[in-house]
Amino acid sequence: MSYLAKPKFHHPALPENTLGYTRRDYEGAISTLCAGCGHDSITAAIVEACFELSIAPHRVAKISGIGCSSKTPTYFLGNSHGFNSVHGRMPSVLTGASLANRDLIYLGVSGDGDSASIGLGQFAHALRRGVNMVYIVENNGVYGLTKGQFSATADDGSKSKQGVVNIDKPIDLTALALQLGASYVARSFSGDKAQLVSLIKGAIEHEGAALVDVISPCVAFNNHVGSTKSYDYVREHNIAVNRLDVIVGRTPITVDYEPGKLELVQQHDGSWLRLRKLNAEYSVHDRRAAIDFLLEHEAKSEIVTGLLYVASDKDELHADLNTTDTPLNALSQKELCPGMARLEEINASLG
């Protein structure tokens, strides 16, 4: 009965985080998606990540577009801010909100249709501008709301449920994000909760444009033999480049890094990502090498997951624009309007 609201009460012995919240405090309405949909697993991962990071729900703004994926913010963080925009326009709405109030944590939730087709331009500009956001793409390769047509991320050669073979080349959103200058780029699989939770936690802690592309099988239209985004296919072709966890608020630890052992990646807020590299040749700090690695394994029909790239330098929109530390929505009219003398000075400088 998915239209019924969740009960307000819960067991008094549920574990609490440092703020005194339980996981139930990070949930939303009951999901109306198909049973087994990968998007529900992403919802669970977001709930877990926010619980483990002890984020107050009211500090989060969740923005979405249109599609099955864009319905999911209803199912998590029910006590946070939210805005469901029009198809493909989530990034610009989020950018405006971020410029007005930089104190919130912004989760942009989208899908492969919403971001790789009608919203591709918005996707590109949000990442290249370094908007401080977690951009989560729930990627199933089909248009689930309109009966399973191929989306722009569908692999060439993959088969639809009706047996039609896709002849178009796919758009790889992670490779595109790397080229556009996103400072945190990751790919995961909705069926790998441990990896996905860690990647989302790292993205939340990162300051800058963070993309997490999540392959999320559509059980209604894209979970059959011949699909390259089904549960079975992804499990068989998944190449994890690292194992990782997020350590928040601890003293930085330095080690002599050896292939196959630990590497520590410091985030801009002082927290650390702890990586256990499985591939001795892979470096998460080399943007060009990450693109080459993706292309190399794409040619082998392998799906690379994990933290693909993280920048060591701060690259974030507010820093680039040199905006005030006080959120714009908290400034008075006097502070926002410097007066005619200042306006004339600015106009004179443009002459």
Protein backbone atom coordinates (compact mmCIF):
# COMPACT_ATOMS: atom_id res chain seq x y z
CA MET A 1 0.00 0.00 0.00
CA SER A 2 2.52 2.58 -1.18
CA TYR A 3 0.13 5.52 -0.76
CA LEU A 4 0.05 5.08 3.01
CA ALA A 5 2.22 7.37 5.11
CA LYS A 6 4.96 5.79 7.21
CA PRO A 7 4.13 5.47 10.90
CA LYS A 8 5.69 8.16 13.08
CA PHE A 9 6.70 5.87 15.92
CA HIS A 10 9.75 3.62 15.95
CA HIS A 11 11.50 1.24 18.31
CA PRO A 12 13.08 3.18 21.21
CA ALA A 13 16.31 1.21 20.95
CA LEU A 14 17.17 2.22 17.36
CA PRO A 15 20.81 3.34 17.02
CA GLU A 16 21.38 7.10 17.09
CA ASN A 17 24.10 9.24 15.56
CA THR A 18 25.94 12.05 17.31
CA LEU A 19 22.99 14.42 16.78
CA GLY A 20 20.58 11.97 18.38
CA TYR A 21 18.87 11.10 15.09
CA THR A 22 17.99 7.55 14.00
CA ARG A 23 17.97 6.35 10.42
CA ARG A 24 14.19 6.77 10.45
CA ASP A 25 14.72 10.53 10.81
CA TYR A 26 16.37 10.54 7.37
CA GLU A 27 13.60 8.69 5.58
CA GLY A 28 10.72 10.14 3.58
CA ALA A 29 7.47 8.81 2.17
CA ILE A 30 6.96 5.18 1.15
CA SER A 31 8.35 4.52 -2.33
CA THR A 32 5.91 4.15 -5.22
CA LEU A 33 8.59 2.75 -7.56
CA CYS A 34 8.55 -0.83 -8.83
CA ALA A 35 9.61 -3.44 -6.28
CA GLY A 36 13.30 -4.14 -6.80
CA CYS A 37 14.03 -0.83 -8.56
CA GLY A 38 17.67 0.14 -8.15
CA HIS A 39 16.62 3.71 -7.33
CA ASP A 40 15.27 2.55 -3.96
CA SER A 41 18.72 1.20 -3.13
CA ILE A 42 20.19 4.61 -3.91
CA THR A 43 17.63 6.18 -1.59
CA ALA A 44 18.74 3.79 1.16
CA ALA A 45 22.39 4.69 0.52
CA ILE A 46 21.65 8.43 0.80
CA VAL A 47 19.79 7.82 4.06
CA GLU A 48 22.72 5.81 5.42
CA ALA A 49 25.32 8.37 4.30
CA CYS A 50 23.50 11.29 5.93
CA PHE A 51 22.93 9.29 9.11
CA GLU A 52 26.59 8.29 9.38
CA LEU A 53 27.78 11.85 8.73
CA SER A 54 25.33 13.15 11.38
CA ILE A 55 23.86 15.74 9.04
CA ALA A 56 20.87 17.67 10.35
CA PRO A 57 18.11 17.10 7.74
CA HIS A 58 17.14 20.78 7.66
CA ARG A 59 20.64 21.60 6.38
CA VAL A 60 19.99 19.70 3.14
CA ALA A 61 18.30 20.96 -0.03
CA LYS A 62 17.35 18.24 -2.51
CA ILE A 63 16.61 19.39 -6.08
CA SER A 64 15.38 17.14 -8.89
CA GLY A 65 14.03 17.22 -12.44
CA ILE A 66 11.59 14.82 -14.09
CA GLY A 67 11.62 11.02 -14.29
CA CYS A 68 11.58 7.97 -12.04
CA SER A 69 14.86 9.15 -10.53
CA SER A 70 13.52 12.61 -9.83
CA LYS A 71 10.67 11.15 -7.79
CA THR A 72 13.08 9.63 -5.30
CA PRO A 73 13.78 12.75 -3.18
CA THR A 74 10.25 12.21 -1.84
CA TYR A 75 11.53 8.97 -0.30
CA PHE A 76 14.44 10.36 1.73
CA LEU A 77 15.10 13.28 4.09
CA GLY A 78 11.46 14.17 4.58
CA ASN A 79 12.42 17.05 6.89
CA SER A 80 14.80 18.72 4.44
CA HIS A 81 14.23 21.43 1.84
CA GLY A 82 13.13 20.25 -1.60
CA PHE A 83 12.30 21.49 -5.10
CA ASN A 84 11.09 19.38 -8.02
CA SER A 85 11.93 21.37 -11.15
CA VAL A 86 11.08 20.80 -14.82
CA HIS A 87 12.70 18.26 -17.12
CA GLY A 88 16.47 18.75 -17.38
CA ARG A 89 16.54 22.02 -15.45
CA MET A 90 17.60 20.82 -12.03
CA PRO A 91 21.21 22.16 -12.27
CA SER A 92 20.22 25.78 -12.94
CA VAL A 93 17.62 25.79 -10.15
CA LEU A 94 20.20 24.32 -7.79
CA THR A 95 22.83 26.85 -8.90
CA GLY A 96 20.51 29.72 -8.09
CA ALA A 97 19.64 28.26 -4.70
CA SER A 98 23.30 27.71 -3.90
CA LEU A 99 24.21 31.28 -4.79
CA ALA A 100 21.44 32.57 -2.53
CA ASN A 101 22.26 30.33 0.43
CA ARG A 102 25.68 28.74 0.48
CA ASP A 103 25.15 27.28 3.97
CA LEU A 104 22.97 24.40 2.76
CA ILE A 105 24.15 21.01 1.49
CA TYR A 106 22.83 20.57 -2.05
CA LEU A 107 21.84 17.16 -3.41
CA GLY A 108 20.93 17.24 -7.10
CA VAL A 109 19.09 14.04 -8.05
CA SER A 110 18.62 13.27 -11.72
CA GLY A 111 18.45 10.44 -14.24
CA ASP A 112 20.10 9.51 -17.51
CA GLY A 113 17.19 10.95 -19.49
CA ASP A 114 16.99 14.07 -17.35
CA SER A 115 20.75 14.76 -17.51
CA ALA A 116 22.07 13.09 -20.68
CA SER A 117 19.34 14.21 -23.06
CA ILE A 118 17.22 17.31 -22.47
CA GLY A 119 19.40 18.45 -19.58
CA LEU A 120 22.84 17.76 -21.05
CA GLY A 121 23.70 21.44 -21.41
CA GLN A 122 22.64 22.15 -17.85
CA PHE A 123 24.66 19.15 -16.65
CA ALA A 124 27.75 20.45 -18.45
CA HIS A 125 27.63 24.01 -17.17
CA ALA A 126 26.92 23.12 -13.55
CA LEU A 127 30.01 20.91 -13.46
CA ARG A 128 32.34 23.24 -15.35
CA ARG A 129 31.35 26.13 -13.08
CA GLY A 130 32.20 24.13 -9.97
CA VAL A 131 28.81 24.43 -8.29
CA ASN A 132 29.19 23.03 -4.77
CA MET A 133 26.77 20.14 -5.07
CA VAL A 134 26.42 16.37 -5.02
CA TYR A 135 25.09 15.50 -8.47
CA ILE A 136 23.62 11.99 -8.30
CA VAL A 137 22.58 10.39 -11.59
CA GLU A 138 20.35 7.34 -11.21
CA ASN A 139 21.32 5.74 -14.50
CA ASN A 140 19.23 2.87 -15.91
CA GLY A 141 19.69 3.42 -19.65
CA VAL A 142 15.98 3.70 -20.43
CA TYR A 143 13.02 6.03 -20.12
CA GLY A 144 11.15 4.15 -17.44
CA LEU A 145 8.14 6.48 -17.31
CA THR A 146 7.43 6.12 -21.05
CA LYS A 147 7.76 2.33 -21.41
CA GLY A 148 11.47 1.72 -21.77
CA GLN A 149 12.87 3.47 -24.84
CA PHE A 150 16.68 3.69 -24.96
CA SER A 151 18.16 6.72 -23.24
CA ALA A 152 21.34 8.52 -24.29
CA THR A 153 23.44 6.40 -21.89
CA ALA A 154 22.33 3.07 -23.37
CA ASP A 155 25.29 1.14 -24.76
CA ASP A 156 25.42 0.45 -28.47
CA GLY A 157 24.56 -3.20 -29.08
CA SER A 158 22.40 -3.53 -25.99
CA LYS A 159 18.91 -4.98 -26.49
CA SER A 160 15.60 -3.59 -25.32
CA LYS A 161 13.00 -5.76 -23.63
CA GLN A 162 11.26 -6.03 -27.02
CA GLY A 163 14.50 -7.22 -28.67
CA VAL A 164 15.41 -3.98 -30.45
CA VAL A 165 19.18 -3.41 -30.68
CA ASN A 166 20.52 0.06 -29.85
CA ILE A 167 22.69 1.44 -32.66
CA ASP A 168 23.63 4.80 -31.07
CA LYS A 169 26.85 5.49 -29.20
CA PRO A 170 26.37 6.06 -25.46
CA ILE A 171 27.13 9.21 -23.50
CA ASP A 172 29.45 8.39 -20.60
CA LEU A 173 28.58 10.98 -17.96
CA THR A 174 31.68 10.24 -15.87
CA ALA A 175 34.04 10.74 -18.84
CA LEU A 176 32.18 13.94 -19.72
CA ALA A 177 32.42 15.17 -16.13
CA LEU A 178 36.17 14.59 -16.16
CA GLN A 179 36.54 16.62 -19.35
CA LEU A 180 34.35 19.42 -18.00
CA GLY A 181 36.46 19.86 -14.87
CA ALA A 182 34.35 18.29 -12.11
CA SER A 183 36.56 17.96 -9.04
CA TYR A 184 35.04 14.72 -7.69
CA VAL A 185 33.93 12.00 -10.12
CA ALA A 186 32.71 8.56 -9.15
CA ARG A 187 30.64 5.73 -10.52
CA SER A 188 28.87 3.06 -8.54
CA PHE A 189 26.21 0.36 -8.77
CA SER A 190 22.96 0.43 -6.82
CA GLY A 191 23.57 -3.19 -5.84
CA ASP A 192 26.85 -2.35 -4.07
CA LYS A 193 25.70 -0.53 -0.95
CA ALA A 194 29.07 -0.46 0.82
CA GLN A 195 30.77 1.24 -2.10
CA LEU A 196 27.86 3.57 -2.85
CA VAL A 197 27.47 4.85 0.72
CA SER A 198 31.18 5.66 0.93
CA LEU A 199 31.14 7.47 -2.42
CA ILE A 200 28.12 9.57 -1.42
CA LYS A 201 29.71 10.42 1.93
CA GLY A 202 32.89 11.49 0.15
CA ALA A 203 30.88 13.59 -2.31
CA ILE A 204 29.01 15.35 0.51
CA GLU A 205 32.26 16.16 2.30
CA HIS A 206 33.88 17.39 -0.92
CA GLU A 207 33.75 21.13 -1.64
CA GLY A 208 33.04 21.62 -5.34
CA ALA A 209 31.19 19.86 -8.14
CA ALA A 210 30.86 16.17 -7.25
CA LEU A 211 29.28 13.68 -9.66
CA VAL A 212 28.18 10.20 -8.57
CA ASP A 213 26.91 8.24 -11.58
CA VAL A 214 25.02 5.18 -10.28
CA ILE A 215 24.03 2.34 -12.56
CA SER A 216 20.55 1.52 -11.33
CA PRO A 217 18.74 -1.32 -13.14
CA CYS A 218 15.14 -0.78 -14.21
CA VAL A 219 13.39 -4.02 -13.25
CA ALA A 220 10.41 -3.25 -15.50
CA PHE A 221 12.20 -2.47 -18.78
CA ASN A 222 15.97 -3.04 -18.57
CA ASN A 223 16.83 -6.06 -16.44
CA HIS A 224 16.81 -8.79 -19.08
CA VAL A 225 19.37 -10.81 -21.05
CA GLY A 226 20.95 -8.48 -23.60
CA SER A 227 20.77 -5.41 -21.40
CA THR A 228 24.10 -3.91 -20.33
CA LYS A 229 22.53 -2.24 -17.30
CA SER A 230 20.87 -5.25 -15.72
CA TYR A 231 21.79 -6.57 -12.28
CA ASP A 232 23.49 -9.67 -13.70
CA TYR A 233 25.44 -7.82 -16.40
CA VAL A 234 26.83 -5.16 -14.06
CA ARG A 235 27.83 -7.73 -11.44
CA GLU A 236 29.68 -9.74 -14.10
CA HIS A 237 31.45 -6.75 -15.70
CA ASN A 238 32.15 -4.54 -12.67
CA ILE A 239 35.78 -3.41 -12.30
CA ALA A 240 36.25 -1.66 -8.93
CA VAL A 241 39.32 0.60 -8.98
CA ASN A 242 39.43 1.10 -5.22
CA ARG A 243 37.84 0.32 -1.89
CA LEU A 244 37.17 3.34 0.21
CA ASP A 245 35.78 4.72 3.42
CA VAL A 246 35.31 8.26 4.69
CA ILE A 247 36.96 9.40 7.89
CA VAL A 248 35.53 12.63 9.27
CA GLY A 249 37.07 14.86 11.91
CA ARG A 250 40.22 12.89 12.65
CA THR A 251 43.83 13.97 12.68
CA PRO A 252 45.37 13.52 9.21
CA ILE A 253 47.41 10.36 8.93
CA THR A 254 50.26 10.09 6.46
CA VAL A 255 51.71 6.84 5.23
CA ASP A 256 54.24 5.74 2.65
CA TYR A 257 51.95 4.59 -0.12
CA GLU A 258 52.68 1.27 -1.78
CA PRO A 259 50.70 -0.33 -4.60
CA GLY A 260 47.87 -2.43 -3.19
CA LYS A 261 47.94 -0.71 0.18
CA LEU A 262 46.37 2.46 1.59
CA GLU A 263 46.28 5.91 0.05
CA LEU A 264 44.84 8.90 1.95
CA VAL A 265 43.13 11.67 0.01
CA GLN A 266 42.51 14.85 1.98
CA GLN A 267 39.26 16.71 1.39
CA HIS A 268 38.96 20.50 1.44
CA ASP A 269 37.20 20.50 4.80
CA GLY A 270 40.04 18.58 6.46
CA SER A 271 38.41 15.15 6.35
CA TRP A 272 40.04 12.24 4.56
CA LEU A 273 39.15 9.55 2.08
CA ARG A 274 40.93 6.29 2.79
CA LEU A 275 41.49 4.33 -0.41
CA ARG A 276 42.67 0.77 -0.77
CA LYS A 277 43.76 0.57 -4.35
CA LEU A 278 43.18 -2.66 -6.24
CA ASN A 279 44.91 -1.43 -9.37
CA ALA A 280 48.49 -0.41 -8.75
CA GLU A 281 48.58 1.66 -11.96
CA TYR A 282 45.54 3.79 -11.13
CA SER A 283 45.77 7.26 -9.58
CA VAL A 284 42.64 9.14 -8.46
CA HIS A 285 44.53 12.46 -8.82
CA ASP A 286 45.24 12.18 -12.57
CA ARG A 287 42.29 13.46 -14.63
CA ARG A 288 43.74 12.45 -17.99
CA ALA A 289 44.68 8.98 -16.78
CA ALA A 290 41.14 8.52 -15.44
CA ILE A 291 39.68 9.27 -18.87
CA ASP A 292 42.12 6.86 -20.52
CA PHE A 293 41.28 4.19 -17.95
CA LEU A 294 37.55 4.55 -18.63
CA LEU A 295 38.03 4.30 -22.39
CA GLU A 296 40.36 1.31 -22.05
CA HIS A 297 37.85 -0.70 -20.03
CA GLU A 298 34.88 0.48 -22.06
CA ALA A 299 36.52 -1.19 -25.06
CA LYS A 300 36.52 -4.42 -23.04
CA SER A 301 32.81 -3.98 -22.15
CA GLU A 302 33.82 -3.51 -18.52
CA ILE A 303 32.13 -1.06 -16.15
CA VAL A 304 34.57 0.87 -13.97
CA THR A 305 33.23 1.76 -10.52
CA GLY A 306 34.71 3.52 -7.52
CA LEU A 307 36.29 6.93 -7.00
CA LEU A 308 37.57 7.80 -10.46
CA TYR A 309 38.99 11.25 -9.74
CA VAL A 310 39.31 13.78 -6.93
CA ALA A 311 41.06 17.13 -7.33
CA SER A 312 43.62 18.24 -4.77
CA ASP A 313 42.91 21.93 -5.43
CA LYS A 314 39.81 23.81 -4.33
CA ASP A 315 37.56 24.58 -7.30
CA GLU A 316 34.16 25.87 -6.25
CA LEU A 317 31.78 28.51 -7.61
CA HIS A 318 31.62 30.73 -4.52
CA ALA A 319 35.42 30.85 -4.33
CA ASP A 320 35.67 31.66 -8.05
CA LEU A 321 33.11 34.48 -7.74
CA ASN A 322 34.56 35.68 -4.43
CA THR A 323 31.11 35.88 -2.86
CA THR A 324 30.61 36.94 0.72
CA ASP A 325 30.81 34.31 3.44
CA THR A 326 27.40 35.45 4.65
CA PRO A 327 24.70 33.84 2.46
CA LEU A 328 23.12 36.37 0.08
CA ASN A 329 19.66 35.63 1.46
CA ALA A 330 20.86 36.81 4.88
CA LEU A 331 22.13 40.21 3.70
CA SER A 332 20.14 43.39 4.24
CA GLN A 333 19.05 45.76 1.47
CA LYS A 334 21.79 48.18 2.50
CA GLU A 335 24.45 45.52 1.97
CA LEU A 336 22.94 44.29 -1.29
CA CYS A 337 22.53 47.78 -2.77
CA PRO A 338 25.82 49.75 -2.45
CA GLY A 339 24.26 53.01 -3.73
CA MET A 340 24.49 55.27 -6.78
CA ALA A 341 28.04 56.41 -6.15
CA ARG A 342 29.34 52.83 -6.25
CA LEU A 343 27.21 52.07 -9.33
CA GLU A 344 28.66 55.06 -11.16
CA GLU A 345 32.15 53.88 -10.21
CA ILE A 346 31.46 50.44 -11.62
CA ASN A 347 30.00 51.86 -14.84
CA ALA A 348 33.00 54.18 -15.26
CA SER A 349 35.36 51.22 -14.97
CA LEU A 350 33.64 49.55 -17.90
CA GLY A 351 34.16 52.47 -20.25
